Amino acid sequence: MTFRELINETRYLLRDTNFLTNNEGQYVETYLKNWLNEGERQFCLITDFGVEQAYNITSVSGTAEYALPNDFIREVSVIYNYNNLLKDRYVNSLKISTTGTPYAYYLRMNNIGFIPTPNNTYTIILVYLTQGGNMVNDNDVPIIPTIYQDILIHYACMKASLQGDDVRYKYFREIWGEKIQMAKQHWFYRDNMQADSRVGTGNINPVVGDMDNFITGI
């Protein structure tokens, strides 16, 4: 479905009768657009779905942590000099008090940090999952599989009902929850990720082990 079709279906499901004679209808379109985009991001976060994007981090000597991209969902791999850095889940001040060439990374709040703290300028590649940016234009389409795109409509309806203290909120929430659980159980979408024009021209879904092609594709 296109973004415009999602908006229209949301209004229809909300029984927005004013929409038939007034394009704005009962619900402010800006809110509907925000809720549809929010629904897609929630889907990606909960189901671990997304498109892969590469992001270069240029280290600064003596600086351990760097901001994650705004569209970050989760990391896929962190690479330096063709090697995957290890993930450290138990970082402490002692580990980052030393400096050198990073061999591990950690996530804290909205930052990624390296162990030991870089002692020079290094180009470290963060491969991560992203939603691919918000839908903006009428012809934009979600990145999630077509079979699940109606979930975005139910999410937007749920948020609209909550804002308006609508008794249908529970109904829309239950449908949203059931379909999210179904999506989490269907792993096939991992083999059907599609590059999305909103992401950019990065190398999408590099083949594991094919590092030469991956690096040159960035």
N, C-alpha and C. Protein backbone atom coordinates (compact mmCIF):
# COMPACT_ATOMS: atom_id res chain seq x y z
N MET A 1 0.83 -1.20 0.00
CA MET A 1 0.00 0.00 0.00
C MET A 1 0.87 1.25 0.00
N THR A 2 0.40 2.29 -0.67
CA THR A 2 1.11 3.56 -0.63
C THR A 2 0.74 4.30 0.66
N PHE A 3 1.50 5.33 0.95
CA PHE A 3 1.24 6.13 2.14
C PHE A 3 -0.17 6.71 2.10
N ARG A 4 -0.58 7.20 0.94
CA ARG A 4 -1.93 7.76 0.81
C ARG A 4 -2.99 6.70 1.04
N GLU A 5 -2.78 5.50 0.53
CA GLU A 5 -3.75 4.42 0.74
C GLU A 5 -3.83 4.04 2.21
N LEU A 6 -2.69 4.04 2.90
CA LEU A 6 -2.69 3.74 4.33
C LEU A 6 -3.49 4.79 5.11
N ILE A 7 -3.31 6.04 4.74
CA ILE A 7 -4.04 7.13 5.41
C ILE A 7 -5.54 6.98 5.18
N ASN A 8 -5.92 6.73 3.93
CA ASN A 8 -7.34 6.60 3.60
C ASN A 8 -7.97 5.39 4.31
N GLU A 9 -7.25 4.27 4.35
CA GLU A 9 -7.76 3.07 5.02
C GLU A 9 -7.90 3.30 6.52
N THR A 10 -6.99 4.08 7.08
CA THR A 10 -7.07 4.40 8.51
C THR A 10 -8.33 5.20 8.79
N ARG A 11 -8.57 6.21 7.96
CA ARG A 11 -9.79 7.02 8.14
C ARG A 11 -11.04 6.17 7.98
N TYR A 12 -11.02 5.26 7.01
CA TYR A 12 -12.18 4.40 6.77
C TYR A 12 -12.45 3.51 7.98
N LEU A 13 -11.39 2.93 8.53
CA LEU A 13 -11.55 2.03 9.66
C LEU A 13 -12.00 2.79 10.91
N LEU A 14 -11.60 4.04 11.00
CA LEU A 14 -12.03 4.89 12.13
C LEU A 14 -13.44 5.44 11.93
N ARG A 15 -14.04 5.12 10.76
CA ARG A 15 -15.39 5.61 10.42
C ARG A 15 -15.43 7.13 10.42
N ASP A 16 -14.43 7.69 9.80
CA ASP A 16 -14.34 9.15 9.70
C ASP A 16 -15.27 9.60 8.58
N THR A 17 -16.55 9.78 8.90
CA THR A 17 -17.55 10.12 7.87
C THR A 17 -17.28 11.47 7.24
N ASN A 18 -16.64 12.37 7.97
CA ASN A 18 -16.35 13.69 7.41
C ASN A 18 -15.35 13.62 6.27
N PHE A 19 -14.60 12.51 6.20
CA PHE A 19 -13.57 12.37 5.19
C PHE A 19 -14.17 12.33 3.78
N LEU A 20 -15.42 11.87 3.67
CA LEU A 20 -16.06 11.76 2.37
C LEU A 20 -16.29 13.12 1.73
N THR A 21 -16.46 14.15 2.55
CA THR A 21 -16.72 15.48 2.02
C THR A 21 -15.61 16.48 2.33
N ASN A 22 -14.69 16.06 3.18
CA ASN A 22 -13.61 16.96 3.60
C ASN A 22 -12.33 16.16 3.71
N ASN A 23 -11.33 16.50 2.90
CA ASN A 23 -10.09 15.73 2.87
C ASN A 23 -9.43 15.64 4.25
N GLU A 24 -9.59 16.67 5.07
CA GLU A 24 -8.97 16.65 6.39
C GLU A 24 -9.74 15.74 7.33
N GLY A 25 -11.07 15.71 7.16
CA GLY A 25 -11.87 14.82 7.98
C GLY A 25 -11.82 15.17 9.45
N GLN A 26 -12.20 14.21 10.28
CA GLN A 26 -12.27 14.42 11.73
C GLN A 26 -10.88 14.39 12.37
N TYR A 27 -9.96 13.63 11.78
CA TYR A 27 -8.64 13.45 12.36
C TYR A 27 -7.59 14.25 11.59
N VAL A 28 -6.76 14.97 12.30
CA VAL A 28 -5.72 15.79 11.68
C VAL A 28 -4.75 14.87 10.94
N GLU A 29 -4.53 15.16 9.68
CA GLU A 29 -3.72 14.26 8.86
C GLU A 29 -2.28 14.15 9.34
N THR A 30 -1.74 15.22 9.87
CA THR A 30 -0.37 15.18 10.37
C THR A 30 -0.22 14.11 11.45
N TYR A 31 -1.23 14.00 12.33
CA TYR A 31 -1.20 12.99 13.38
C TYR A 31 -1.27 11.58 12.79
N LEU A 32 -2.15 11.39 11.81
CA LEU A 32 -2.28 10.08 11.19
C LEU A 32 -0.96 9.65 10.54
N LYS A 33 -0.31 10.58 9.86
CA LYS A 33 0.97 10.27 9.22
C LYS A 33 2.02 9.89 10.27
N ASN A 34 2.06 10.66 11.34
CA ASN A 34 3.03 10.36 12.40
C ASN A 34 2.78 8.99 13.01
N TRP A 35 1.51 8.64 13.22
CA TRP A 35 1.17 7.36 13.84
C TRP A 35 1.49 6.19 12.92
N LEU A 36 1.27 6.37 11.61
CA LEU A 36 1.60 5.30 10.67
C LEU A 36 3.11 5.06 10.63
N ASN A 37 3.88 6.13 10.61
CA ASN A 37 5.34 5.99 10.64
C ASN A 37 5.82 5.41 11.97
N GLU A 38 5.18 5.83 13.04
CA GLU A 38 5.52 5.29 14.36
C GLU A 38 5.20 3.80 14.42
N GLY A 39 4.09 3.42 13.81
CA GLY A 39 3.71 2.01 13.77
C GLY A 39 4.73 1.17 13.04
N GLU A 40 5.28 1.70 11.95
CA GLU A 40 6.29 0.95 11.21
C GLU A 40 7.57 0.80 12.04
N ARG A 41 7.95 1.86 12.73
CA ARG A 41 9.15 1.77 13.56
C ARG A 41 8.93 0.78 14.71
N GLN A 42 7.76 0.80 15.33
CA GLN A 42 7.48 -0.15 16.40
C GLN A 42 7.52 -1.59 15.88
N PHE A 43 7.00 -1.79 14.67
CA PHE A 43 7.04 -3.11 14.06
C PHE A 43 8.48 -3.57 13.91
N CYS A 44 9.34 -2.69 13.40
CA CYS A 44 10.75 -3.03 13.19
C CYS A 44 11.44 -3.32 14.51
N LEU A 45 11.15 -2.53 15.53
CA LEU A 45 11.78 -2.72 16.83
C LEU A 45 11.36 -4.04 17.47
N ILE A 46 10.09 -4.36 17.39
CA ILE A 46 9.56 -5.55 18.07
C ILE A 46 9.92 -6.83 17.33
N THR A 47 9.87 -6.81 15.99
CA THR A 47 10.10 -8.02 15.21
C THR A 47 11.55 -8.15 14.77
N ASP A 48 12.37 -7.12 15.02
CA ASP A 48 13.78 -7.15 14.62
C ASP A 48 13.89 -7.15 13.10
N PHE A 49 12.98 -6.48 12.45
CA PHE A 49 12.98 -6.39 10.99
C PHE A 49 13.53 -5.04 10.56
N GLY A 50 14.20 -5.03 9.42
CA GLY A 50 14.68 -3.76 8.89
C GLY A 50 15.55 -4.00 7.68
N VAL A 51 16.11 -2.96 7.16
CA VAL A 51 17.07 -3.07 6.07
C VAL A 51 18.44 -2.71 6.62
N GLU A 52 19.47 -3.35 6.11
CA GLU A 52 20.81 -3.10 6.61
C GLU A 52 21.42 -1.87 5.96
N GLN A 53 22.09 -1.10 6.79
CA GLN A 53 22.74 0.12 6.32
C GLN A 53 24.12 0.20 6.96
N ALA A 54 25.10 0.68 6.22
CA ALA A 54 26.45 0.84 6.74
C ALA A 54 26.70 2.30 7.10
N TYR A 55 27.36 2.50 8.22
CA TYR A 55 27.63 3.85 8.73
C TYR A 55 29.08 3.90 9.21
N ASN A 56 29.85 4.84 8.68
CA ASN A 56 31.25 4.98 9.06
C ASN A 56 31.40 5.86 10.29
N ILE A 57 32.13 5.37 11.26
CA ILE A 57 32.44 6.14 12.46
C ILE A 57 33.94 6.44 12.45
N THR A 58 34.28 7.71 12.47
CA THR A 58 35.68 8.10 12.50
C THR A 58 36.04 8.43 13.94
N SER A 59 36.90 7.63 14.51
CA SER A 59 37.24 7.81 15.92
C SER A 59 38.14 9.02 16.12
N VAL A 60 38.09 9.53 17.33
CA VAL A 60 38.95 10.64 17.77
C VAL A 60 39.79 10.12 18.93
N SER A 61 41.06 10.36 18.88
CA SER A 61 41.94 9.88 19.94
C SER A 61 41.48 10.38 21.31
N GLY A 62 41.31 9.43 22.24
CA GLY A 62 40.89 9.77 23.59
C GLY A 62 39.39 9.82 23.80
N THR A 63 38.61 9.60 22.74
CA THR A 63 37.14 9.63 22.85
C THR A 63 36.60 8.21 22.70
N ALA A 64 35.90 7.73 23.73
CA ALA A 64 35.43 6.34 23.74
C ALA A 64 34.08 6.17 23.06
N GLU A 65 33.15 7.15 23.23
CA GLU A 65 31.77 6.96 22.77
C GLU A 65 31.39 7.92 21.65
N TYR A 66 30.46 7.43 20.78
CA TYR A 66 30.02 8.19 19.61
C TYR A 66 28.51 7.98 19.45
N ALA A 67 27.82 8.99 18.94
CA ALA A 67 26.37 8.92 18.81
C ALA A 67 25.96 7.91 17.74
N LEU A 68 24.92 7.15 18.04
CA LEU A 68 24.36 6.22 17.08
C LEU A 68 23.52 6.98 16.05
N PRO A 69 23.35 6.45 14.84
CA PRO A 69 22.48 7.09 13.85
C PRO A 69 21.06 7.23 14.39
N ASN A 70 20.36 8.26 13.96
CA ASN A 70 19.00 8.52 14.46
C ASN A 70 18.03 7.40 14.10
N ASP A 71 18.28 6.69 12.99
CA ASP A 71 17.36 5.64 12.54
C ASP A 71 17.82 4.25 12.99
N PHE A 72 18.70 4.20 13.98
CA PHE A 72 19.25 2.93 14.47
C PHE A 72 18.17 2.09 15.15
N ILE A 73 18.09 0.81 14.77
CA ILE A 73 17.22 -0.15 15.44
C ILE A 73 18.06 -1.10 16.28
N ARG A 74 19.01 -1.76 15.64
CA ARG A 74 19.98 -2.59 16.37
C ARG A 74 21.19 -2.80 15.48
N GLU A 75 22.30 -3.17 16.09
CA GLU A 75 23.50 -3.41 15.31
C GLU A 75 23.46 -4.82 14.71
N VAL A 76 24.06 -4.95 13.53
CA VAL A 76 24.26 -6.25 12.90
C VAL A 76 25.70 -6.70 13.11
N SER A 77 26.63 -5.79 12.85
CA SER A 77 28.04 -6.05 13.09
C SER A 77 28.79 -4.73 13.18
N VAL A 78 29.94 -4.77 13.83
CA VAL A 78 30.82 -3.61 13.94
C VAL A 78 32.19 -4.07 13.46
N ILE A 79 32.73 -3.39 12.45
CA ILE A 79 33.90 -3.89 11.73
C ILE A 79 35.02 -2.87 11.73
N TYR A 80 36.22 -3.35 12.02
CA TYR A 80 37.42 -2.54 11.84
C TYR A 80 38.49 -3.40 11.19
N ASN A 81 39.05 -2.86 10.12
CA ASN A 81 40.14 -3.54 9.42
C ASN A 81 39.76 -4.98 9.04
N TYR A 82 38.56 -5.13 8.52
CA TYR A 82 38.04 -6.41 8.03
C TYR A 82 37.71 -7.41 9.16
N ASN A 83 37.80 -6.98 10.39
CA ASN A 83 37.52 -7.88 11.51
C ASN A 83 36.29 -7.40 12.28
N ASN A 84 35.47 -8.34 12.73
CA ASN A 84 34.31 -8.00 13.56
C ASN A 84 34.77 -7.73 14.99
N LEU A 85 34.36 -6.59 15.53
CA LEU A 85 34.66 -6.30 16.92
C LEU A 85 33.73 -7.12 17.81
N LEU A 86 34.23 -7.52 18.96
CA LEU A 86 33.42 -8.27 19.92
C LEU A 86 32.48 -7.31 20.65
N LYS A 87 31.32 -7.82 21.06
CA LYS A 87 30.40 -7.00 21.84
C LYS A 87 30.62 -7.25 23.33
N ASP A 88 30.83 -6.18 24.07
CA ASP A 88 31.04 -6.27 25.51
C ASP A 88 29.77 -5.80 26.21
N ARG A 89 29.11 -6.69 26.92
CA ARG A 89 27.86 -6.36 27.61
C ARG A 89 28.08 -5.90 29.04
N TYR A 90 29.31 -5.94 29.49
CA TYR A 90 29.60 -5.60 30.89
C TYR A 90 30.71 -4.56 30.96
N VAL A 91 30.51 -3.46 30.27
CA VAL A 91 31.52 -2.42 30.23
C VAL A 91 31.64 -1.73 31.58
N ASN A 92 32.86 -1.32 31.93
CA ASN A 92 33.08 -0.54 33.14
C ASN A 92 34.19 0.47 32.90
N SER A 93 34.37 1.36 33.85
CA SER A 93 35.34 2.44 33.69
C SER A 93 36.76 1.93 33.51
N LEU A 94 37.06 0.78 34.11
CA LEU A 94 38.41 0.23 34.00
C LEU A 94 38.72 -0.16 32.56
N LYS A 95 37.72 -0.74 31.88
CA LYS A 95 37.94 -1.21 30.51
C LYS A 95 38.20 -0.06 29.55
N ILE A 96 37.55 1.09 29.78
CA ILE A 96 37.72 2.20 28.84
C ILE A 96 38.77 3.20 29.31
N SER A 97 39.43 2.88 30.42
CA SER A 97 40.47 3.80 30.92
C SER A 97 41.77 3.64 30.15
N THR A 98 41.93 2.49 29.47
CA THR A 98 43.12 2.27 28.66
C THR A 98 42.85 2.72 27.22
N THR A 99 43.90 2.97 26.47
CA THR A 99 43.77 3.39 25.08
C THR A 99 44.51 2.41 24.18
N GLY A 100 44.08 2.39 22.92
CA GLY A 100 44.72 1.50 21.96
C GLY A 100 43.83 1.30 20.75
N THR A 101 44.09 0.23 20.01
CA THR A 101 43.26 -0.11 18.85
C THR A 101 42.04 -0.90 19.33
N PRO A 102 40.84 -0.44 19.02
CA PRO A 102 39.63 -1.11 19.52
C PRO A 102 39.52 -2.56 19.06
N TYR A 103 39.14 -3.43 19.97
CA TYR A 103 38.86 -4.83 19.64
C TYR A 103 37.45 -5.22 20.06
N ALA A 104 36.75 -4.30 20.77
CA ALA A 104 35.39 -4.58 21.23
C ALA A 104 34.57 -3.29 21.23
N TYR A 105 33.26 -3.46 21.31
CA TYR A 105 32.36 -2.31 21.37
C TYR A 105 31.28 -2.58 22.40
N TYR A 106 30.58 -1.51 22.78
CA TYR A 106 29.44 -1.63 23.69
C TYR A 106 28.42 -0.57 23.33
N LEU A 107 27.19 -0.80 23.71
CA LEU A 107 26.11 0.17 23.50
C LEU A 107 25.66 0.71 24.84
N ARG A 108 25.51 2.03 24.91
CA ARG A 108 25.04 2.65 26.15
C ARG A 108 24.18 3.85 25.78
N MET A 109 22.92 3.79 26.22
CA MET A 109 21.96 4.83 25.86
C MET A 109 21.91 4.94 24.33
N ASN A 110 22.16 6.13 23.78
CA ASN A 110 22.13 6.32 22.33
C ASN A 110 23.52 6.40 21.74
N ASN A 111 24.48 5.77 22.42
CA ASN A 111 25.87 5.84 21.98
C ASN A 111 26.45 4.45 21.76
N ILE A 112 27.49 4.40 20.94
CA ILE A 112 28.30 3.21 20.80
C ILE A 112 29.70 3.58 21.28
N GLY A 113 30.29 2.70 22.08
CA GLY A 113 31.62 2.95 22.61
C GLY A 113 32.58 1.85 22.23
N PHE A 114 33.87 2.15 22.33
CA PHE A 114 34.88 1.18 21.91
C PHE A 114 35.87 0.90 23.03
N ILE A 115 36.34 -0.36 23.06
CA ILE A 115 37.29 -0.83 24.06
C ILE A 115 38.51 -1.41 23.34
N PRO A 116 39.72 -0.94 23.70
CA PRO A 116 39.97 0.21 24.57
C PRO A 116 39.59 1.52 23.86
N THR A 117 39.64 2.62 24.59
CA THR A 117 39.37 3.91 23.99
C THR A 117 40.37 4.15 22.86
N PRO A 118 39.89 4.53 21.66
CA PRO A 118 40.80 4.71 20.52
C PRO A 118 41.93 5.69 20.84
N ASN A 119 43.12 5.32 20.41
CA ASN A 119 44.29 6.18 20.62
C ASN A 119 44.73 6.85 19.33
N ASN A 120 43.89 6.72 18.29
CA ASN A 120 44.24 7.28 17.00
C ASN A 120 42.96 7.45 16.19
N THR A 121 43.10 7.87 14.95
CA THR A 121 41.94 7.99 14.06
C THR A 121 41.72 6.67 13.34
N TYR A 122 40.58 6.05 13.61
CA TYR A 122 40.23 4.78 12.98
C TYR A 122 38.87 4.93 12.29
N THR A 123 38.71 4.26 11.16
CA THR A 123 37.41 4.21 10.51
C THR A 123 36.76 2.88 10.85
N ILE A 124 35.72 2.95 11.65
CA ILE A 124 35.02 1.76 12.12
C ILE A 124 33.64 1.73 11.46
N ILE A 125 33.28 0.59 10.91
CA ILE A 125 32.03 0.47 10.16
C ILE A 125 30.96 -0.17 11.05
N LEU A 126 29.88 0.56 11.24
CA LEU A 126 28.73 0.04 11.96
C LEU A 126 27.68 -0.39 10.94
N VAL A 127 27.39 -1.68 10.89
CA VAL A 127 26.30 -2.19 10.05
C VAL A 127 25.10 -2.38 10.96
N TYR A 128 24.00 -1.73 10.63
CA TYR A 128 22.85 -1.74 11.53
C TYR A 128 21.54 -1.85 10.76
N LEU A 129 20.51 -2.21 11.49
CA LEU A 129 19.16 -2.26 10.91
C LEU A 129 18.50 -0.91 11.07
N THR A 130 17.83 -0.49 10.01
CA THR A 130 17.12 0.78 10.03
C THR A 130 15.73 0.61 9.44
N GLN A 131 14.84 1.47 9.85
CA GLN A 131 13.50 1.50 9.27
C GLN A 131 13.55 2.06 7.86
N GLY A 132 14.57 2.84 7.57
CA GLY A 132 14.70 3.41 6.23
C GLY A 132 14.13 4.79 6.10
N GLY A 133 13.83 5.44 7.20
CA GLY A 133 13.29 6.80 7.13
C GLY A 133 11.77 6.81 7.08
N ASN A 134 11.19 7.93 7.42
CA ASN A 134 9.73 8.04 7.45
C ASN A 134 9.14 8.15 6.05
N MET A 135 7.92 7.66 5.91
CA MET A 135 7.15 7.92 4.69
C MET A 135 6.71 9.38 4.72
N VAL A 136 6.84 10.04 3.59
CA VAL A 136 6.51 11.46 3.50
C VAL A 136 5.54 11.72 2.36
N ASN A 137 5.89 11.24 1.17
CA ASN A 137 5.09 11.49 -0.03
C ASN A 137 3.97 10.46 -0.17
N ASP A 138 2.92 10.84 -0.89
CA ASP A 138 1.77 9.96 -1.05
C ASP A 138 2.15 8.61 -1.65
N ASN A 139 3.14 8.58 -2.52
CA ASN A 139 3.51 7.34 -3.20
C ASN A 139 4.56 6.52 -2.45
N ASP A 140 5.04 7.02 -1.31
CA ASP A 140 5.98 6.23 -0.50
C ASP A 140 5.29 4.97 -0.01
N VAL A 141 6.07 3.92 0.17
CA VAL A 141 5.51 2.65 0.66
C VAL A 141 6.31 2.17 1.86
N PRO A 142 5.70 1.41 2.76
CA PRO A 142 6.43 0.86 3.92
C PRO A 142 7.50 -0.12 3.46
N ILE A 143 8.52 -0.32 4.31
CA ILE A 143 9.53 -1.32 3.98
C ILE A 143 9.12 -2.71 4.44
N ILE A 144 8.15 -2.80 5.33
CA ILE A 144 7.76 -4.10 5.86
C ILE A 144 6.98 -4.88 4.80
N PRO A 145 6.98 -6.21 4.88
CA PRO A 145 6.28 -7.02 3.87
C PRO A 145 4.81 -6.63 3.72
N THR A 146 4.31 -6.75 2.52
CA THR A 146 2.93 -6.36 2.21
C THR A 146 1.93 -7.04 3.12
N ILE A 147 2.18 -8.30 3.45
CA ILE A 147 1.24 -9.08 4.26
C ILE A 147 1.02 -8.45 5.64
N TYR A 148 1.97 -7.63 6.10
CA TYR A 148 1.87 -7.04 7.44
C TYR A 148 1.56 -5.55 7.43
N GLN A 149 1.38 -4.97 6.26
CA GLN A 149 1.24 -3.51 6.21
C GLN A 149 -0.05 -2.99 6.85
N ASP A 150 -1.06 -3.84 6.93
CA ASP A 150 -2.29 -3.40 7.59
C ASP A 150 -2.09 -3.22 9.10
N ILE A 151 -1.00 -3.78 9.64
CA ILE A 151 -0.68 -3.57 11.05
C ILE A 151 -0.50 -2.09 11.33
N LEU A 152 0.07 -1.37 10.37
CA LEU A 152 0.29 0.07 10.55
C LEU A 152 -1.04 0.81 10.69
N ILE A 153 -2.03 0.35 9.96
CA ILE A 153 -3.36 0.96 10.03
C ILE A 153 -3.96 0.75 11.41
N HIS A 154 -3.84 -0.48 11.92
CA HIS A 154 -4.40 -0.77 13.24
C HIS A 154 -3.65 -0.01 14.34
N TYR A 155 -2.36 0.18 14.14
CA TYR A 155 -1.59 0.96 15.13
C TYR A 155 -2.07 2.41 15.13
N ALA A 156 -2.22 2.98 13.94
CA ALA A 156 -2.68 4.38 13.85
C ALA A 156 -4.09 4.52 14.42
N CYS A 157 -4.95 3.54 14.17
CA CYS A 157 -6.30 3.56 14.73
C CYS A 157 -6.26 3.46 16.26
N MET A 158 -5.35 2.63 16.75
CA MET A 158 -5.19 2.49 18.20
C MET A 158 -4.79 3.81 18.83
N LYS A 159 -3.83 4.51 18.22
CA LYS A 159 -3.37 5.79 18.76
C LYS A 159 -4.46 6.86 18.65
N ALA A 160 -5.19 6.84 17.54
CA ALA A 160 -6.28 7.81 17.36
C ALA A 160 -7.37 7.57 18.40
N SER A 161 -7.69 6.30 18.65
CA SER A 161 -8.73 5.97 19.63
C SER A 161 -8.29 6.35 21.04
N LEU A 162 -7.03 6.17 21.32
CA LEU A 162 -6.50 6.53 22.64
C LEU A 162 -6.57 8.03 22.86
N GLN A 163 -6.22 8.78 21.84
CA GLN A 163 -6.26 10.24 21.95
C GLN A 163 -7.67 10.75 22.16
N GLY A 164 -8.64 10.07 21.52
CA GLY A 164 -10.02 10.52 21.61
C GLY A 164 -10.83 9.81 22.68
N ASP A 165 -10.16 9.04 23.54
CA ASP A 165 -10.84 8.28 24.59
C ASP A 165 -11.95 7.42 23.99
N ASP A 166 -11.62 6.76 22.89
CA ASP A 166 -12.58 5.96 22.12
C ASP A 166 -12.61 4.54 22.69
N VAL A 167 -13.82 3.98 22.81
CA VAL A 167 -13.97 2.64 23.37
C VAL A 167 -13.37 1.57 22.45
N ARG A 168 -13.07 1.92 21.21
CA ARG A 168 -12.50 0.96 20.27
C ARG A 168 -11.01 0.75 20.49
N TYR A 169 -10.42 1.52 21.39
CA TYR A 169 -8.97 1.41 21.64
C TYR A 169 -8.57 -0.02 21.95
N LYS A 170 -9.30 -0.69 22.84
CA LYS A 170 -8.96 -2.06 23.23
C LYS A 170 -9.03 -3.00 22.04
N TYR A 171 -10.01 -2.81 21.19
CA TYR A 171 -10.17 -3.65 20.00
C TYR A 171 -8.97 -3.51 19.07
N PHE A 172 -8.60 -2.27 18.77
CA PHE A 172 -7.46 -2.05 17.88
C PHE A 172 -6.16 -2.54 18.51
N ARG A 173 -6.02 -2.38 19.82
CA ARG A 173 -4.80 -2.82 20.50
C ARG A 173 -4.66 -4.33 20.43
N GLU A 174 -5.78 -5.05 20.58
CA GLU A 174 -5.73 -6.51 20.53
C GLU A 174 -5.34 -7.00 19.14
N ILE A 175 -5.89 -6.38 18.10
CA ILE A 175 -5.54 -6.77 16.74
C ILE A 175 -4.06 -6.50 16.48
N TRP A 176 -3.59 -5.33 16.90
CA TRP A 176 -2.18 -4.97 16.76
C TRP A 176 -1.29 -6.02 17.44
N GLY A 177 -1.63 -6.37 18.68
CA GLY A 177 -0.82 -7.32 19.42
C GLY A 177 -0.80 -8.70 18.78
N GLU A 178 -1.95 -9.16 18.31
CA GLU A 178 -2.03 -10.49 17.69
C GLU A 178 -1.19 -10.55 16.42
N LYS A 179 -1.26 -9.51 15.60
CA LYS A 179 -0.54 -9.54 14.33
C LYS A 179 0.97 -9.37 14.53
N ILE A 180 1.35 -8.62 15.55
CA ILE A 180 2.77 -8.49 15.86
C ILE A 180 3.34 -9.84 16.28
N GLN A 181 2.59 -10.59 17.08
CA GLN A 181 3.04 -11.91 17.51
C GLN A 181 3.17 -12.85 16.31
N MET A 182 2.24 -12.76 15.37
CA MET A 182 2.33 -13.57 14.16
C MET A 182 3.58 -13.23 13.37
N ALA A 183 3.86 -11.93 13.27
CA ALA A 183 5.03 -11.48 12.50
C ALA A 183 6.33 -11.97 13.13
N LYS A 184 6.38 -11.97 14.46
CA LYS A 184 7.59 -12.41 15.16
C LYS A 184 7.88 -13.88 14.90
N GLN A 185 6.83 -14.65 14.63
CA GLN A 185 7.00 -16.09 14.42
C GLN A 185 7.37 -16.44 12.99
N HIS A 186 7.22 -15.48 12.11
CA HIS A 186 7.49 -15.73 10.69
C HIS A 186 8.87 -15.19 10.33
N TRP A 187 9.85 -16.03 10.30
CA TRP A 187 11.22 -15.59 10.07
C TRP A 187 11.57 -15.49 8.59
N PHE A 188 10.63 -15.84 7.76
CA PHE A 188 10.95 -15.86 6.34
C PHE A 188 11.32 -14.49 5.82
N TYR A 189 10.83 -13.43 6.47
CA TYR A 189 11.09 -12.10 5.92
C TYR A 189 12.57 -11.75 5.96
N ARG A 190 13.36 -12.44 6.76
CA ARG A 190 14.78 -12.16 6.80
C ARG A 190 15.45 -12.48 5.47
N ASP A 191 14.84 -13.39 4.72
CA ASP A 191 15.41 -13.74 3.42
C ASP A 191 14.78 -12.94 2.29
N ASN A 192 13.93 -12.00 2.65
CA ASN A 192 13.23 -11.22 1.62
C ASN A 192 13.33 -9.72 1.85
N MET A 193 14.43 -9.29 2.51
CA MET A 193 14.62 -7.87 2.74
C MET A 193 14.82 -7.17 1.40
N GLN A 194 14.21 -6.02 1.27
CA GLN A 194 14.32 -5.27 0.02
C GLN A 194 15.01 -3.95 0.30
N ALA A 195 15.91 -3.57 -0.61
CA ALA A 195 16.51 -2.24 -0.52
C ALA A 195 15.41 -1.21 -0.72
N ASP A 196 15.48 -0.13 0.02
CA ASP A 196 14.43 0.89 -0.03
C ASP A 196 15.04 2.22 -0.45
N SER A 197 14.37 2.92 -1.35
CA SER A 197 14.93 4.16 -1.88
C SER A 197 15.11 5.20 -0.80
N ARG A 198 14.40 5.06 0.32
CA ARG A 198 14.54 6.04 1.40
C ARG A 198 15.81 5.83 2.19
N VAL A 199 16.44 4.65 2.04
CA VAL A 199 17.64 4.35 2.82
C VAL A 199 18.86 5.00 2.19
N GLY A 200 18.99 4.94 0.88
CA GLY A 200 20.16 5.50 0.22
C GLY A 200 20.78 4.46 -0.68
N THR A 201 22.03 4.64 -0.99
CA THR A 201 22.68 3.76 -1.95
C THR A 201 23.68 2.84 -1.30
N GLY A 202 23.62 2.67 0.02
CA GLY A 202 24.55 1.78 0.71
C GLY A 202 24.37 0.34 0.28
N ASN A 203 25.34 -0.50 0.56
CA ASN A 203 25.27 -1.91 0.23
C ASN A 203 24.29 -2.59 1.17
N ILE A 204 23.13 -2.97 0.66
CA ILE A 204 22.09 -3.56 1.50
C ILE A 204 22.30 -5.07 1.61
N ASN A 205 22.27 -5.58 2.85
CA ASN A 205 22.40 -7.02 3.10
C ASN A 205 23.65 -7.62 2.47
N PRO A 206 24.85 -7.22 2.90
CA PRO A 206 26.06 -7.82 2.36
C PRO A 206 26.12 -9.30 2.72
N VAL A 207 26.69 -10.09 1.83
CA VAL A 207 26.83 -11.52 2.08
C VAL A 207 27.90 -11.73 3.14
N VAL A 208 27.58 -12.55 4.13
CA VAL A 208 28.53 -12.82 5.20
C VAL A 208 29.80 -13.42 4.60
N GLY A 209 30.94 -12.84 4.94
CA GLY A 209 32.21 -13.32 4.43
C GLY A 209 32.66 -12.64 3.16
N ASP A 210 31.76 -11.97 2.48
CA ASP A 210 32.11 -11.28 1.24
C ASP A 210 32.54 -9.86 1.56
N MET A 211 33.56 -9.71 2.37
CA MET A 211 33.93 -8.40 2.90
C MET A 211 34.49 -7.47 1.83
N ASP A 212 35.17 -8.02 0.80
CA ASP A 212 35.72 -7.15 -0.22
C ASP A 212 34.63 -6.40 -0.95
N ASN A 213 33.56 -7.14 -1.33
CA ASN A 213 32.44 -6.51 -2.00
C ASN A 213 31.72 -5.55 -1.07
N PHE A 214 31.65 -5.91 0.20
CA PHE A 214 30.95 -5.07 1.16
C PHE A 214 31.65 -3.73 1.33
N ILE A 215 32.97 -3.77 1.53
CA ILE A 215 33.70 -2.54 1.78
C ILE A 215 33.64 -1.62 0.57
N THR A 216 33.80 -2.18 -0.62
CA THR A 216 33.81 -1.33 -1.82
C THR A 216 32.42 -0.82 -2.14
N GLY A 217 31.39 -1.43 -1.57
CA GLY A 217 30.04 -1.00 -1.87
C GLY A 217 29.57 0.15 -1.01
N ILE A 218 30.37 0.58 -0.04
CA ILE A 218 29.96 1.63 0.87
C ILE A 218 30.18 2.98 0.23
